[in-house]
Amino acid sequence: MLKQTLTLITLTTIVLSQAHGQSLIKADGSSTVYPITEAMAEEFQMAQKNKYKVTAGISGTGGGFKKFCRGETDLQGASRPITAVEAADCKKKGIEFFELPIAYDATVVAVHPSNKWLNEITVEELKKIWEPSAMSKIKRWKQVNPAWPDEEMKLFGAGSDSGTFDYFTEAIMGKAKSSRGDYTASEDDNTLVKGIGGDRNSIGYLPMSYYVENKKSLKALAIIGGAKAPVKTGVLPSKETVENSTYFPLSRPLLLYVNAKSAQRLEVGEFVKFYLKNAQAIVPEVKYVALPAQAYTIAADHFVKGKTGTVFGDGHYVGLKIEDLLKKEASH
């Protein structure tokens, strides 16, 4: 299991505490980004001989942005870009920010490993299962596809404060936060792993890194991405299919937001530079897809030159290819 098994109680205690004589750097946000930031924090603290202390919480992307835009945290991990509403909230509070791409991830649709009859699923079928109207009419597998068993489905997915929830609903329903509500929801992805792996009629979605760490208890489904997909057959999530953009539309960039005022503090600036310098090596260690070296060079250059704000003002991020992300960043 990844090291993200710290409980929320423990995390809260850590975040509220500060070791004597240490400068504290506060990070929060996405549970998807958390393992990367945690790994970075461990390496950074060792490199600095524990001169600085980095704490990380998992409030979810949405929950984390609420804290970030109130000025309560220095860093915000996000599994989808900041929204126009969140950016406006930050502006009202006088919070300027850096937006730094750090990795790519995939949202995996998984079932129980004993499920032998379902190996792939279409975007249309996923929409039929998860759209808001399904809450009253879709309860059993057969109601989605007549070829599937006449058994009750057990649904698991990200909580509403999660960037995974926002991304999945945007990608599948075409509208963020558009989802049925009668499913087991959690911002803690380990809860989803246990839920999907504990019921033979389960289906749910979660970040790829959590799937990779729990392959014995989960089975990933190949996704047939629809008319806009680069290939028309089912594609399984993997490093290769994320990099070549064939895992569509459930591949996504992961981002780190930095409070510009916090970045003026020596310890925060040093940690961000360390993060970008070491991301290409550390990101794969925690089961995510590293960006090309050019992406980290561009991000570091933007950070040093003080280029704040978001490149996602057009709201487009679903199915964004890595090369398109690089173009966005280079034009910032």
C-alpha atoms as a PDB file:
ATOM      1  CA  MET A   1       0.000   0.000   0.000  1.00  0.00           C
ATOM      2  CA  LEU A   2       1.097   3.580  -0.587  1.00  0.00           C
ATOM      3  CA  LYS A   3       1.996   5.624   2.447  1.00  0.00           C
ATOM      4  CA  GLN A   4      -1.245   7.595   2.236  1.00  0.00           C
ATOM      5  CA  THR A   5      -2.788   5.347   4.886  1.00  0.00           C
ATOM      6  CA  LEU A   6      -2.376   8.064   7.493  1.00  0.00           C
ATOM      7  CA  THR A   7      -5.742   8.782   9.012  1.00  0.00           C
ATOM      8  CA  LEU A   8      -7.393  12.173   8.733  1.00  0.00           C
ATOM      9  CA  ILE A   9      -7.078  12.528  12.499  1.00  0.00           C
ATOM     10  CA  THR A  10      -3.337  11.997  12.299  1.00  0.00           C
ATOM     11  CA  LEU A  11      -3.035  14.400   9.375  1.00  0.00           C
ATOM     12  CA  THR A  12      -4.990  17.073  11.220  1.00  0.00           C
ATOM     13  CA  THR A  13      -2.755  16.663  14.236  1.00  0.00           C
ATOM     14  CA  ILE A  14       0.355  16.944  12.072  1.00  0.00           C
ATOM     15  CA  VAL A  15      -0.874  20.002  10.216  1.00  0.00           C
ATOM     16  CA  LEU A  16      -1.741  21.808  13.431  1.00  0.00           C
ATOM     17  CA  SER A  17       1.603  21.050  15.029  1.00  0.00           C
ATOM     18  CA  GLN A  18       5.000  22.569  14.343  1.00  0.00           C
ATOM     19  CA  ALA A  19       8.249  21.144  15.549  1.00  0.00           C
ATOM     20  CA  HIS A  20      10.309  23.542  17.658  1.00  0.00           C
ATOM     21  CA  GLY A  21      12.854  25.466  15.592  1.00  0.00           C
ATOM     22  CA  GLN A  22      11.541  24.289  12.209  1.00  0.00           C
ATOM     23  CA  SER A  23       9.985  26.381   9.459  1.00  0.00           C
ATOM     24  CA  LEU A  24       6.618  24.901   8.512  1.00  0.00           C
ATOM     25  CA  ILE A  25       5.353  24.473   4.937  1.00  0.00           C
ATOM     26  CA  LYS A  26       1.654  23.603   4.714  1.00  0.00           C
ATOM     27  CA  ALA A  27       0.264  21.578   1.801  1.00  0.00           C
ATOM     28  CA  ASP A  28      -3.245  20.227   1.304  1.00  0.00           C
ATOM     29  CA  GLY A  29      -5.675  19.239  -1.426  1.00  0.00           C
ATOM     30  CA  SER A  30      -6.065  16.232  -3.685  1.00  0.00           C
ATOM     31  CA  SER A  31      -5.712  12.715  -2.289  1.00  0.00           C
ATOM     32  CA  THR A  32      -4.436  11.816  -5.769  1.00  0.00           C
ATOM     33  CA  VAL A  33      -1.555  14.292  -5.563  1.00  0.00           C
ATOM     34  CA  TYR A  34      -0.902  13.542  -1.887  1.00  0.00           C
ATOM     35  CA  PRO A  35       1.480  10.564  -2.430  1.00  0.00           C
ATOM     36  CA  ILE A  36       3.668  12.716  -4.720  1.00  0.00           C
ATOM     37  CA  THR A  37       3.828  15.610  -2.252  1.00  0.00           C
ATOM     38  CA  GLU A  38       4.441  13.245   0.648  1.00  0.00           C
ATOM     39  CA  ALA A  39       7.338  11.569  -1.194  1.00  0.00           C
ATOM     40  CA  MET A  40       8.761  14.981  -2.135  1.00  0.00           C
ATOM     41  CA  ALA A  41       8.444  16.186   1.456  1.00  0.00           C
ATOM     42  CA  GLU A  42      10.345  13.166   2.796  1.00  0.00           C
ATOM     43  CA  GLU A  43      13.192  13.625   0.301  1.00  0.00           C
ATOM     44  CA  PHE A  44      13.325  17.390   0.825  1.00  0.00           C
ATOM     45  CA  GLN A  45      13.393  17.125   4.610  1.00  0.00           C
ATOM     46  CA  MET A  46      16.241  14.611   4.432  1.00  0.00           C
ATOM     47  CA  ALA A  47      18.164  16.780   1.968  1.00  0.00           C
ATOM     48  CA  GLN A  48      17.701  19.776   4.272  1.00  0.00           C
ATOM     49  CA  LYS A  49      18.582  17.695   7.357  1.00  0.00           C
ATOM     50  CA  ASN A  50      15.109  18.387   8.772  1.00  0.00           C
ATOM     51  CA  LYS A  51      15.685  22.140   8.788  1.00  0.00           C
ATOM     52  CA  TYR A  52      12.180  22.520   7.345  1.00  0.00           C
ATOM     53  CA  LYS A  53       8.974  20.593   7.981  1.00  0.00           C
ATOM     54  CA  VAL A  54       6.402  19.929   5.250  1.00  0.00           C
ATOM     55  CA  THR A  55       2.919  18.780   6.243  1.00  0.00           C
ATOM     56  CA  ALA A  56       0.326  17.396   3.819  1.00  0.00           C
ATOM     57  CA  GLY A  57      -3.431  16.983   4.197  1.00  0.00           C
ATOM     58  CA  ILE A  58      -6.045  15.314   2.001  1.00  0.00           C
ATOM     59  CA  SER A  59      -9.051  17.611   1.995  1.00  0.00           C
ATOM     60  CA  GLY A  60      -9.719  16.834  -1.673  1.00  0.00           C
ATOM     61  CA  THR A  61      -9.112  19.228  -4.554  1.00  0.00           C
ATOM     62  CA  GLY A  62     -12.254  21.265  -3.892  1.00  0.00           C
ATOM     63  CA  GLY A  63     -11.868  21.246  -0.123  1.00  0.00           C
ATOM     64  CA  GLY A  64      -8.201  22.122  -0.455  1.00  0.00           C
ATOM     65  CA  PHE A  65      -8.902  25.093  -2.719  1.00  0.00           C
ATOM     66  CA  LYS A  66     -11.253  26.515  -0.066  1.00  0.00           C
ATOM     67  CA  LYS A  67      -8.348  26.545   2.397  1.00  0.00           C
ATOM     68  CA  PHE A  68      -5.837  27.719  -0.211  1.00  0.00           C
ATOM     69  CA  CYS A  69      -7.996  30.667  -1.284  1.00  0.00           C
ATOM     70  CA  ARG A  70      -8.399  31.688   2.359  1.00  0.00           C
ATOM     71  CA  GLY A  71      -4.634  31.821   2.662  1.00  0.00           C
ATOM     72  CA  GLU A  72      -4.479  28.912   5.119  1.00  0.00           C
ATOM     73  CA  THR A  73      -2.038  26.777   3.092  1.00  0.00           C
ATOM     74  CA  ASP A  74       1.104  27.377   1.054  1.00  0.00           C
ATOM     75  CA  LEU A  75       0.645  24.595  -1.494  1.00  0.00           C
ATOM     76  CA  GLN A  76      -2.416  23.025  -3.077  1.00  0.00           C
ATOM     77  CA  GLY A  77      -2.357  19.691  -4.884  1.00  0.00           C
ATOM     78  CA  ALA A  78      -5.062  19.428  -7.539  1.00  0.00           C
ATOM     79  CA  SER A  79      -6.275  16.607  -9.761  1.00  0.00           C
ATOM     80  CA  ARG A  80      -8.023  19.097 -12.047  1.00  0.00           C
ATOM     81  CA  PRO A  81      -7.374  22.766 -12.833  1.00  0.00           C
ATOM     82  CA  ILE A  82      -8.648  25.577 -10.646  1.00  0.00           C
ATOM     83  CA  THR A  83     -12.180  26.651 -11.622  1.00  0.00           C
ATOM     84  CA  ALA A  84     -13.234  30.185 -12.496  1.00  0.00           C
ATOM     85  CA  VAL A  85     -15.192  30.377  -9.227  1.00  0.00           C
ATOM     86  CA  GLU A  86     -12.189  29.216  -7.169  1.00  0.00           C
ATOM     87  CA  ALA A  87      -9.882  31.642  -8.987  1.00  0.00           C
ATOM     88  CA  ALA A  88     -12.343  34.456  -8.238  1.00  0.00           C
ATOM     89  CA  ASP A  89     -12.416  33.447  -4.559  1.00  0.00           C
ATOM     90  CA  CYS A  90      -8.635  33.597  -4.445  1.00  0.00           C
ATOM     91  CA  LYS A  91      -8.661  37.019  -6.113  1.00  0.00           C
ATOM     92  CA  LYS A  92     -11.161  38.363  -3.558  1.00  0.00           C
ATOM     93  CA  LYS A  93      -8.802  37.323  -0.773  1.00  0.00           C
ATOM     94  CA  GLY A  94      -5.781  38.759  -2.566  1.00  0.00           C
ATOM     95  CA  ILE A  95      -4.283  35.336  -3.208  1.00  0.00           C
ATOM     96  CA  GLU A  96      -2.122  35.170  -6.331  1.00  0.00           C
ATOM     97  CA  PHE A  97      -0.837  31.749  -7.302  1.00  0.00           C
ATOM     98  CA  PHE A  98       1.536  29.773  -9.461  1.00  0.00           C
ATOM     99  CA  GLU A  99       0.066  26.837 -11.404  1.00  0.00           C
ATOM    100  CA  LEU A 100       2.645  24.104 -11.957  1.00  0.00           C
ATOM    101  CA  PRO A 101       1.957  20.809 -13.818  1.00  0.00           C
ATOM    102  CA  ILE A 102       3.683  17.956 -12.010  1.00  0.00           C
ATOM    103  CA  ALA A 103       2.434  14.652 -13.471  1.00  0.00           C
ATOM    104  CA  TYR A 104      -0.211  12.821 -15.468  1.00  0.00           C
ATOM    105  CA  ASP A 105      -2.710  10.373 -14.027  1.00  0.00           C
ATOM    106  CA  ALA A 106      -5.599   8.234 -15.198  1.00  0.00           C
ATOM    107  CA  THR A 107      -8.957   7.617 -13.566  1.00  0.00           C
ATOM    108  CA  VAL A 108      -9.471   3.863 -13.502  1.00  0.00           C
ATOM    109  CA  VAL A 109     -12.902   2.234 -13.662  1.00  0.00           C
ATOM    110  CA  ALA A 110     -12.620  -0.956 -11.639  1.00  0.00           C
ATOM    111  CA  VAL A 111     -14.697  -3.969 -10.632  1.00  0.00           C
ATOM    112  CA  HIS A 112     -14.176  -6.856  -8.222  1.00  0.00           C
ATOM    113  CA  PRO A 113     -11.474  -9.294  -9.449  1.00  0.00           C
ATOM    114  CA  SER A 114     -13.974 -12.189  -9.448  1.00  0.00           C
ATOM    115  CA  ASN A 115     -15.986 -10.410 -12.167  1.00  0.00           C
ATOM    116  CA  LYS A 116     -15.267 -12.571 -15.248  1.00  0.00           C
ATOM    117  CA  TRP A 117     -18.035 -11.301 -17.522  1.00  0.00           C
ATOM    118  CA  LEU A 118     -17.079  -7.627 -17.807  1.00  0.00           C
ATOM    119  CA  ASN A 119     -13.736  -6.613 -19.321  1.00  0.00           C
ATOM    120  CA  GLU A 120     -14.537  -3.337 -21.062  1.00  0.00           C
ATOM    121  CA  ILE A 121     -17.104  -0.581 -20.841  1.00  0.00           C
ATOM    122  CA  THR A 122     -18.149   2.309 -23.077  1.00  0.00           C
ATOM    123  CA  VAL A 123     -18.382   5.959 -22.122  1.00  0.00           C
ATOM    124  CA  GLU A 124     -22.097   5.724 -22.962  1.00  0.00           C
ATOM    125  CA  GLU A 125     -22.572   2.846 -20.500  1.00  0.00           C
ATOM    126  CA  LEU A 126     -20.676   4.737 -17.808  1.00  0.00           C
ATOM    127  CA  LYS A 127     -22.910   7.742 -18.402  1.00  0.00           C
ATOM    128  CA  LYS A 128     -25.995   5.555 -18.130  1.00  0.00           C
ATOM    129  CA  ILE A 129     -24.762   4.236 -14.778  1.00  0.00           C
ATOM    130  CA  TRP A 130     -23.633   7.535 -13.241  1.00  0.00           C
ATOM    131  CA  GLU A 131     -25.916  10.261 -14.631  1.00  0.00           C
ATOM    132  CA  PRO A 132     -28.240  11.912 -12.055  1.00  0.00           C
ATOM    133  CA  SER A 133     -31.392  10.349 -13.503  1.00  0.00           C
ATOM    134  CA  ALA A 134     -29.901   6.874 -12.998  1.00  0.00           C
ATOM    135  CA  MET A 135     -30.499   7.205  -9.257  1.00  0.00           C
ATOM    136  CA  SER A 136     -34.170   6.363  -9.740  1.00  0.00           C
ATOM    137  CA  LYS A 137     -33.992   3.904 -12.644  1.00  0.00           C
ATOM    138  CA  ILE A 138     -30.606   2.140 -12.832  1.00  0.00           C
ATOM    139  CA  LYS A 139     -30.096  -0.279  -9.955  1.00  0.00           C
ATOM    140  CA  ARG A 140     -29.102  -3.532 -11.651  1.00  0.00           C
ATOM    141  CA  TRP A 141     -26.463  -4.482 -14.194  1.00  0.00           C
ATOM    142  CA  LYS A 142     -29.040  -5.704 -16.714  1.00  0.00           C
ATOM    143  CA  GLN A 143     -30.652  -2.262 -16.829  1.00  0.00           C
ATOM    144  CA  VAL A 144     -27.461  -0.865 -18.335  1.00  0.00           C
ATOM    145  CA  ASN A 145     -26.855  -3.646 -20.852  1.00  0.00           C
ATOM    146  CA  PRO A 146     -29.288  -6.577 -21.418  1.00  0.00           C
ATOM    147  CA  ALA A 147     -26.314  -8.940 -21.766  1.00  0.00           C
ATOM    148  CA  TRP A 148     -25.209  -8.228 -18.210  1.00  0.00           C
ATOM    149  CA  PRO A 149     -26.469 -10.133 -15.114  1.00  0.00           C
ATOM    150  CA  ASP A 150     -29.730  -9.339 -13.384  1.00  0.00           C
ATOM    151  CA  GLU A 151     -27.974  -8.443 -10.128  1.00  0.00           C
ATOM    152  CA  GLU A 152     -27.792  -5.276  -8.076  1.00  0.00           C
ATOM    153  CA  MET A 153     -24.816  -2.978  -8.733  1.00  0.00           C
ATOM    154  CA  LYS A 154     -22.796  -1.595  -5.833  1.00  0.00           C
ATOM    155  CA  LEU A 155     -21.310   1.784  -6.756  1.00  0.00           C
ATOM    156  CA  PHE A 156     -18.182   3.445  -5.353  1.00  0.00           C
ATOM    157  CA  GLY A 157     -16.635   6.746  -6.322  1.00  0.00           C
ATOM    158  CA  ALA A 158     -14.960   9.961  -5.292  1.00  0.00           C
ATOM    159  CA  GLY A 159     -16.621  12.405  -2.913  1.00  0.00           C
ATOM    160  CA  SER A 160     -17.885  15.771  -4.118  1.00  0.00           C
ATOM    161  CA  ASP A 161     -14.844  17.661  -2.764  1.00  0.00           C
ATOM    162  CA  SER A 162     -12.541  15.491  -4.865  1.00  0.00           C
ATOM    163  CA  GLY A 163     -10.937  16.576  -8.124  1.00  0.00           C
ATOM    164  CA  THR A 164     -11.369  12.990  -9.308  1.00  0.00           C
ATOM    165  CA  PHE A 165     -15.137  13.472  -8.911  1.00  0.00           C
ATOM    166  CA  ASP A 166     -15.015  16.718 -10.892  1.00  0.00           C
ATOM    167  CA  TYR A 167     -12.881  15.199 -13.642  1.00  0.00           C
ATOM    168  CA  PHE A 168     -14.850  11.958 -13.960  1.00  0.00           C
ATOM    169  CA  THR A 169     -18.202  13.741 -14.166  1.00  0.00           C
ATOM    170  CA  GLU A 170     -16.861  16.305 -16.651  1.00  0.00           C
ATOM    171  CA  ALA A 171     -15.356  13.570 -18.835  1.00  0.00           C
ATOM    172  CA  ILE A 172     -18.306  11.155 -18.721  1.00  0.00           C
ATOM    173  CA  MET A 173     -21.334  13.402 -18.282  1.00  0.00           C
ATOM    174  CA  GLY A 174     -19.979  16.495 -19.992  1.00  0.00           C
ATOM    175  CA  LYS A 175     -20.652  18.567 -16.881  1.00  0.00           C
ATOM    176  CA  ALA A 176     -18.595  18.670 -13.692  1.00  0.00           C
ATOM    177  CA  LYS A 177     -20.412  17.514 -10.524  1.00  0.00           C
ATOM    178  CA  SER A 178     -23.274  16.006 -12.536  1.00  0.00           C
ATOM    179  CA  SER A 179     -23.728  12.640 -10.851  1.00  0.00           C
ATOM    180  CA  ARG A 180     -26.173  10.390  -9.102  1.00  0.00           C
ATOM    181  CA  GLY A 181     -25.803  10.636  -5.343  1.00  0.00           C
ATOM    182  CA  ASP A 182     -26.736   7.134  -4.172  1.00  0.00           C
ATOM    183  CA  TYR A 183     -23.267   5.593  -4.129  1.00  0.00           C
ATOM    184  CA  THR A 184     -20.541   5.077  -1.550  1.00  0.00           C
ATOM    185  CA  ALA A 185     -18.475   8.244  -1.841  1.00  0.00           C
ATOM    186  CA  SER A 186     -15.156   9.151  -0.259  1.00  0.00           C
ATOM    187  CA  GLU A 187     -12.286  11.623  -0.683  1.00  0.00           C
ATOM    188  CA  ASP A 188     -10.043   8.882   0.740  1.00  0.00           C
ATOM    189  CA  ASP A 189      -9.149   6.595  -2.154  1.00  0.00           C
ATOM    190  CA  ASN A 190      -8.183   3.772   0.185  1.00  0.00           C
ATOM    191  CA  THR A 191     -11.841   3.589   1.211  1.00  0.00           C
ATOM    192  CA  LEU A 192     -12.765   3.094  -2.445  1.00  0.00           C
ATOM    193  CA  VAL A 193     -10.160   0.349  -2.837  1.00  0.00           C
ATOM    194  CA  LYS A 194     -11.679  -1.528   0.107  1.00  0.00           C
ATOM    195  CA  GLY A 195     -15.225  -1.011  -1.133  1.00  0.00           C
ATOM    196  CA  ILE A 196     -14.663  -2.149  -4.717  1.00  0.00           C
ATOM    197  CA  GLY A 197     -12.462  -5.033  -3.580  1.00  0.00           C
ATOM    198  CA  GLY A 198     -15.009  -6.136  -1.005  1.00  0.00           C
ATOM    199  CA  ASP A 199     -18.118  -6.708  -3.139  1.00  0.00           C
ATOM    200  CA  ARG A 200     -18.365  -8.976  -6.201  1.00  0.00           C
ATOM    201  CA  ASN A 201     -21.048  -6.729  -7.754  1.00  0.00           C
ATOM    202  CA  SER A 202     -19.014  -3.562  -7.325  1.00  0.00           C
ATOM    203  CA  ILE A 203     -18.016  -0.960  -9.876  1.00  0.00           C
ATOM    204  CA  GLY A 204     -16.271   2.295  -9.098  1.00  0.00           C
ATOM    205  CA  TYR A 205     -13.617   4.780 -10.141  1.00  0.00           C
ATOM    206  CA  LEU A 206     -10.365   5.882  -8.518  1.00  0.00           C
ATOM    207  CA  PRO A 207      -6.869   7.226  -9.410  1.00  0.00           C
ATOM    208  CA  MET A 208      -4.584   4.858 -11.311  1.00  0.00           C
ATOM    209  CA  SER A 209      -1.857   4.840  -8.653  1.00  0.00           C
ATOM    210  CA  TYR A 210      -4.273   3.344  -6.116  1.00  0.00           C
ATOM    211  CA  TYR A 211      -5.286   0.693  -8.638  1.00  0.00           C
ATOM    212  CA  VAL A 212      -1.636  -0.165  -9.424  1.00  0.00           C
ATOM    213  CA  GLU A 213      -0.915  -0.645  -5.714  1.00  0.00           C
ATOM    214  CA  ASN A 214      -3.969  -2.885  -5.285  1.00  0.00           C
ATOM    215  CA  LYS A 215      -4.166  -5.023  -8.425  1.00  0.00           C
ATOM    216  CA  LYS A 216      -4.872  -8.173  -6.415  1.00  0.00           C
ATOM    217  CA  SER A 217      -8.142  -6.753  -5.093  1.00  0.00           C
ATOM    218  CA  LEU A 218      -9.249  -4.732  -8.151  1.00  0.00           C
ATOM    219  CA  LYS A 219      -9.814  -5.380 -11.846  1.00  0.00           C
ATOM    220  CA  ALA A 220      -9.490  -2.465 -14.275  1.00  0.00           C
ATOM    221  CA  LEU A 221     -11.897  -2.179 -17.191  1.00  0.00           C
ATOM    222  CA  ALA A 222     -10.820  -1.166 -20.680  1.00  0.00           C
ATOM    223  CA  ILE A 223     -12.514   2.073 -21.751  1.00  0.00           C
ATOM    224  CA  ILE A 224     -14.143   2.524 -25.154  1.00  0.00           C
ATOM    225  CA  GLY A 225     -13.952   6.292 -25.399  1.00  0.00           C
ATOM    226  CA  GLY A 226     -16.542   7.219 -28.008  1.00  0.00           C
ATOM    227  CA  ALA A 227     -16.443   9.318 -31.177  1.00  0.00           C
ATOM    228  CA  LYS A 228     -13.643  11.646 -30.037  1.00  0.00           C
ATOM    229  CA  ALA A 229     -11.345   8.856 -28.875  1.00  0.00           C
ATOM    230  CA  PRO A 230      -8.155   8.314 -30.945  1.00  0.00           C
ATOM    231  CA  VAL A 231      -8.899   4.561 -31.061  1.00  0.00           C
ATOM    232  CA  LYS A 232     -12.297   2.851 -31.142  1.00  0.00           C
ATOM    233  CA  THR A 233     -11.445  -0.269 -29.158  1.00  0.00           C
ATOM    234  CA  GLY A 234     -11.240  -0.761 -25.413  1.00  0.00           C
ATOM    235  CA  VAL A 235      -8.057   0.659 -23.869  1.00  0.00           C
ATOM    236  CA  LEU A 236      -6.696  -0.295 -20.456  1.00  0.00           C
ATOM    237  CA  PRO A 237      -5.034   2.325 -18.239  1.00  0.00           C
ATOM    238  CA  SER A 238      -1.230   2.185 -18.225  1.00  0.00           C
ATOM    239  CA  LYS A 239       1.816   4.429 -18.366  1.00  0.00           C
ATOM    240  CA  GLU A 240       1.982   3.893 -22.122  1.00  0.00           C
ATOM    241  CA  THR A 241      -1.697   4.576 -22.886  1.00  0.00           C
ATOM    242  CA  VAL A 242      -1.611   7.724 -20.760  1.00  0.00           C
ATOM    243  CA  GLU A 243       1.543   8.958 -22.503  1.00  0.00           C
ATOM    244  CA  ASN A 244       0.205   8.287 -26.010  1.00  0.00           C
ATOM    245  CA  SER A 245      -3.262   9.680 -25.140  1.00  0.00           C
ATOM    246  CA  THR A 246      -5.152   6.539 -26.183  1.00  0.00           C
ATOM    247  CA  TYR A 247      -6.647   6.116 -22.701  1.00  0.00           C
ATOM    248  CA  PHE A 248      -9.441   8.564 -23.445  1.00  0.00           C
ATOM    249  CA  PRO A 249     -11.147  10.500 -21.941  1.00  0.00           C
ATOM    250  CA  LEU A 250      -9.918   9.561 -18.453  1.00  0.00           C
ATOM    251  CA  SER A 251      -6.283  10.743 -18.594  1.00  0.00           C
ATOM    252  CA  ARG A 252      -5.602  14.018 -16.819  1.00  0.00           C
ATOM    253  CA  PRO A 253      -2.843  16.383 -15.662  1.00  0.00           C
ATOM    254  CA  LEU A 254      -2.021  16.753 -11.977  1.00  0.00           C
ATOM    255  CA  LEU A 255      -1.113  20.216 -10.751  1.00  0.00           C
ATOM    256  CA  LEU A 256       0.547  21.998  -7.855  1.00  0.00           C
ATOM    257  CA  TYR A 257      -0.654  25.476  -6.920  1.00  0.00           C
ATOM    258  CA  VAL A 258       1.636  27.716  -4.882  1.00  0.00           C
ATOM    259  CA  ASN A 259       0.573  30.810  -2.966  1.00  0.00           C
ATOM    260  CA  ALA A 260       2.709  33.593  -4.500  1.00  0.00           C
ATOM    261  CA  LYS A 261       3.164  35.331  -1.150  1.00  0.00           C
ATOM    262  CA  SER A 262       4.213  32.050   0.478  1.00  0.00           C
ATOM    263  CA  ALA A 263       6.698  31.520  -2.368  1.00  0.00           C
ATOM    264  CA  GLN A 264       8.627  34.568  -1.165  1.00  0.00           C
ATOM    265  CA  ARG A 265       9.562  32.627   1.967  1.00  0.00           C
ATOM    266  CA  LEU A 266      12.899  30.886   1.556  1.00  0.00           C
ATOM    267  CA  GLU A 267      11.671  27.458   2.688  1.00  0.00           C
ATOM    268  CA  VAL A 268       8.657  27.421   0.349  1.00  0.00           C
ATOM    269  CA  GLY A 269      10.677  28.617  -2.636  1.00  0.00           C
ATOM    270  CA  GLU A 270      13.328  25.974  -1.993  1.00  0.00           C
ATOM    271  CA  PHE A 271      10.731  23.219  -1.647  1.00  0.00           C
ATOM    272  CA  VAL A 272       8.992  24.143  -4.920  1.00  0.00           C
ATOM    273  CA  LYS A 273      12.317  24.228  -6.783  1.00  0.00           C
ATOM    274  CA  PHE A 274      13.214  20.848  -5.256  1.00  0.00           C
ATOM    275  CA  TYR A 275       9.781  19.487  -6.261  1.00  0.00           C
ATOM    276  CA  LEU A 276      10.201  20.463  -9.919  1.00  0.00           C
ATOM    277  CA  LYS A 277      13.844  19.386 -10.098  1.00  0.00           C
ATOM    278  CA  ASN A 278      13.126  15.904  -8.736  1.00  0.00           C
ATOM    279  CA  ALA A 279       9.626  15.252 -10.119  1.00  0.00           C
ATOM    280  CA  GLN A 280      10.752  13.252 -13.137  1.00  0.00           C
ATOM    281  CA  ALA A 281      12.509  10.758 -10.860  1.00  0.00           C
ATOM    282  CA  ILE A 282      10.097  10.646  -7.909  1.00  0.00           C
ATOM    283  CA  VAL A 283       6.722  10.737  -9.732  1.00  0.00           C
ATOM    284  CA  PRO A 284       7.149   7.219 -11.260  1.00  0.00           C
ATOM    285  CA  GLU A 285       8.221   5.850  -7.871  1.00  0.00           C
ATOM    286  CA  VAL A 286       4.745   6.583  -6.506  1.00  0.00           C
ATOM    287  CA  LYS A 287       3.045   5.063  -9.601  1.00  0.00           C
ATOM    288  CA  TYR A 288       2.207   8.194 -11.593  1.00  0.00           C
ATOM    289  CA  VAL A 289       3.274   9.218 -15.105  1.00  0.00           C
ATOM    290  CA  ALA A 290       6.073  11.774 -15.168  1.00  0.00           C
ATOM    291  CA  LEU A 291       5.942  14.649 -17.636  1.00  0.00           C
ATOM    292  CA  PRO A 292       8.709  15.222 -20.197  1.00  0.00           C
ATOM    293  CA  ALA A 293      11.724  17.095 -18.798  1.00  0.00           C
ATOM    294  CA  GLN A 294      10.699  20.134 -20.846  1.00  0.00           C
ATOM    295  CA  ALA A 295       7.498  20.498 -18.811  1.00  0.00           C
ATOM    296  CA  TYR A 296       9.383  20.809 -15.526  1.00  0.00           C
ATOM    297  CA  THR A 297      11.875  23.224 -17.087  1.00  0.00           C
ATOM    298  CA  ILE A 298       9.035  25.462 -18.270  1.00  0.00           C
ATOM    299  CA  ALA A 299       7.322  25.281 -14.869  1.00  0.00           C
ATOM    300  CA  ALA A 300      10.563  26.147 -13.047  1.00  0.00           C
ATOM    301  CA  ASP A 301      11.145  29.065 -15.411  1.00  0.00           C
ATOM    302  CA  HIS A 302       7.618  30.393 -14.777  1.00  0.00           C
ATOM    303  CA  PHE A 303       8.157  30.078 -11.037  1.00  0.00           C
ATOM    304  CA  VAL A 304      11.468  31.944 -11.079  1.00  0.00           C
ATOM    305  CA  LYS A 305      10.089  34.672 -13.359  1.00  0.00           C
ATOM    306  CA  GLY A 306       6.943  35.123 -11.281  1.00  0.00           C
ATOM    307  CA  LYS A 307       4.400  34.096 -13.924  1.00  0.00           C
ATOM    308  CA  THR A 308       1.212  33.607 -11.912  1.00  0.00           C
ATOM    309  CA  GLY A 309      -2.328  32.622 -12.928  1.00  0.00           C
ATOM    310  CA  THR A 310      -3.889  29.712 -14.785  1.00  0.00           C
ATOM    311  CA  VAL A 311      -3.566  28.552 -18.392  1.00  0.00           C
ATOM    312  CA  PHE A 312      -6.941  26.800 -18.140  1.00  0.00           C
ATOM    313  CA  GLY A 313      -9.126  29.891 -18.421  1.00  0.00           C
ATOM    314  CA  ASP A 314     -10.944  28.315 -21.366  1.00  0.00           C
ATOM    315  CA  GLY A 315     -12.088  25.466 -19.093  1.00  0.00           C
ATOM    316  CA  HIS A 316     -10.670  22.815 -21.461  1.00  0.00           C
ATOM    317  CA  TYR A 317      -8.842  19.977 -19.783  1.00  0.00           C
ATOM    318  CA  VAL A 318     -10.743  16.730 -20.473  1.00  0.00           C
ATOM    319  CA  GLY A 319      -8.662  14.462 -22.683  1.00  0.00           C
ATOM    320  CA  LEU A 320      -5.862  17.031 -22.845  1.00  0.00           C
ATOM    321  CA  LYS A 321      -2.794  15.467 -24.451  1.00  0.00           C
ATOM    322  CA  ILE A 322       0.598  15.904 -22.834  1.00  0.00           C
ATOM    323  CA  GLU A 323       1.902  17.759 -25.898  1.00  0.00           C
ATOM    324  CA  ASP A 324      -1.098  20.108 -25.752  1.00  0.00           C
ATOM    325  CA  LEU A 325      -0.396  20.777 -22.083  1.00  0.00           C
ATOM    326  CA  LEU A 326       3.177  21.688 -23.014  1.00  0.00           C
ATOM    327  CA  LYS A 327       1.902  24.126 -25.639  1.00  0.00           C
ATOM    328  CA  LYS A 328      -0.412  25.764 -23.110  1.00  0.00           C
ATOM    329  CA  GLU A 329       2.413  26.128 -20.608  1.00  0.00           C
ATOM    330  CA  ALA A 330       4.916  27.422 -23.177  1.00  0.00           C
ATOM    331  CA  SER A 331       2.482  30.132 -24.312  1.00  0.00           C
ATOM    332  CA  HIS A 332       1.832  31.356 -20.727  1.00  0.00           C
END
